[in-house]
Amino acid sequence: MVARLGGDEFVILLSETSSLAAFETITRIKNQLITKMKENNWPVTFSIGLASFIFPPNSAEFAIKKADELMYKAKRKGKDRIYQEVIKG
């Protein structure tokens, strides 16, 4: 499931997906997006926060908040990267 949160923020829900499979999937999507940006000479990068949950989170708001925090970590680490965390509790 894909949803747009704001002007340039999107959420992708990969239910029942391992953290490794989620990382591989998001990496593939990011690479396809980068290819399209380069084809059009658009100077766009993608900073991605990837929150993987061992157990379902208590709310969608919590899951989005965690992913948003991770996205900002990706931006602080130099942008145009994926920052993943596996949340156990």
Protein backbone atom coordinates (compact mmCIF):
# COMPACT_ATOMS: atom_id res chain seq x y z
CA MET A 1 0.00 0.00 0.00
CA VAL A 2 1.34 3.45 -0.93
CA ALA A 3 0.08 6.73 0.50
CA ARG A 4 1.14 10.35 0.14
CA LEU A 5 1.55 12.18 3.44
CA GLY A 6 2.55 15.60 2.24
CA GLY A 7 4.20 17.48 -0.58
CA ASP A 8 7.22 15.22 -0.88
CA GLU A 9 6.59 12.53 1.74
CA PHE A 10 5.19 9.10 1.02
CA VAL A 11 4.56 5.96 3.05
CA ILE A 12 4.84 2.43 1.71
CA LEU A 13 3.37 -0.35 3.84
CA LEU A 14 4.92 -3.77 3.29
CA SER A 15 2.92 -5.99 5.60
CA GLU A 16 4.18 -9.44 6.53
CA THR A 17 7.62 -8.66 5.08
CA SER A 18 10.93 -9.41 6.78
CA SER A 19 13.33 -6.55 7.47
CA LEU A 20 15.75 -7.92 4.85
CA ALA A 21 13.03 -8.27 2.19
CA ALA A 22 11.74 -4.77 3.03
CA PHE A 23 15.25 -3.31 2.63
CA GLU A 24 15.73 -5.10 -0.70
CA THR A 25 12.34 -3.93 -1.96
CA ILE A 26 12.86 -0.31 -0.91
CA THR A 27 16.37 -0.32 -2.40
CA ARG A 28 14.96 -1.56 -5.70
CA ILE A 29 12.24 1.13 -5.69
CA LYS A 30 14.78 3.84 -4.81
CA ASN A 31 17.09 2.74 -7.64
CA GLN A 32 14.21 2.82 -10.13
CA LEU A 33 13.24 6.32 -8.97
CA ILE A 34 16.84 7.56 -9.24
CA THR A 35 17.04 6.18 -12.78
CA LYS A 36 13.90 8.10 -13.78
CA MET A 37 15.21 11.30 -12.17
CA LYS A 38 18.50 11.02 -14.10
CA GLU A 39 16.68 10.29 -17.38
CA ASN A 40 14.85 13.61 -16.96
CA ASN A 41 17.86 15.52 -15.57
CA TRP A 42 15.92 16.24 -12.39
CA PRO A 43 18.21 16.87 -9.38
CA VAL A 44 16.11 14.80 -6.96
CA THR A 45 17.39 12.50 -4.23
CA PHE A 46 15.59 10.14 -1.87
CA SER A 47 16.11 10.02 1.88
CA ILE A 48 14.21 7.04 3.22
CA GLY A 49 13.36 5.97 6.76
CA LEU A 50 12.57 2.27 6.91
CA ALA A 51 10.93 1.05 10.12
CA SER A 52 10.57 -2.72 10.37
CA PHE A 53 8.47 -4.03 13.24
CA ILE A 54 8.92 -7.48 14.80
CA PHE A 55 5.40 -7.13 16.23
CA PRO A 56 2.66 -4.93 14.76
CA PRO A 57 2.82 -1.40 16.18
CA ASN A 58 0.00 -0.16 18.41
CA SER A 59 -1.07 2.41 15.84
CA ALA A 60 -0.42 3.64 12.33
CA GLU A 61 0.55 7.01 13.82
CA PHE A 62 3.35 5.35 15.82
CA ALA A 63 4.64 3.49 12.77
CA ILE A 64 4.65 6.66 10.67
CA LYS A 65 6.36 8.62 13.46
CA LYS A 66 9.16 6.02 13.68
CA ALA A 67 9.67 5.99 9.90
CA ASP A 68 9.70 9.81 9.86
CA GLU A 69 12.36 9.89 12.60
CA LEU A 70 14.47 7.45 10.58
CA MET A 71 14.04 9.55 7.43
CA TYR A 72 15.46 12.56 9.26
CA LYS A 73 18.39 10.42 10.44
CA ALA A 74 19.01 9.52 6.78
CA LYS A 75 19.00 13.22 5.90
CA ARG A 76 21.44 14.04 8.71
CA LYS A 77 23.76 11.24 7.55
CA GLY A 78 24.13 12.87 4.14
CA LYS A 79 20.80 12.48 2.35
CA ASP A 80 19.99 10.18 -0.56
CA ARG A 81 20.14 7.03 1.55
CA ILE A 82 18.02 4.47 3.36
CA TYR A 83 18.18 4.39 7.17
CA GLN A 84 16.59 1.26 8.60
CA GLU A 85 15.81 0.21 12.13
CA VAL A 86 14.20 -2.99 13.35
CA ILE A 87 11.84 -2.21 16.22
CA LYS A 88 11.40 -5.11 18.61
CA GLY A 89 8.88 -3.75 21.04
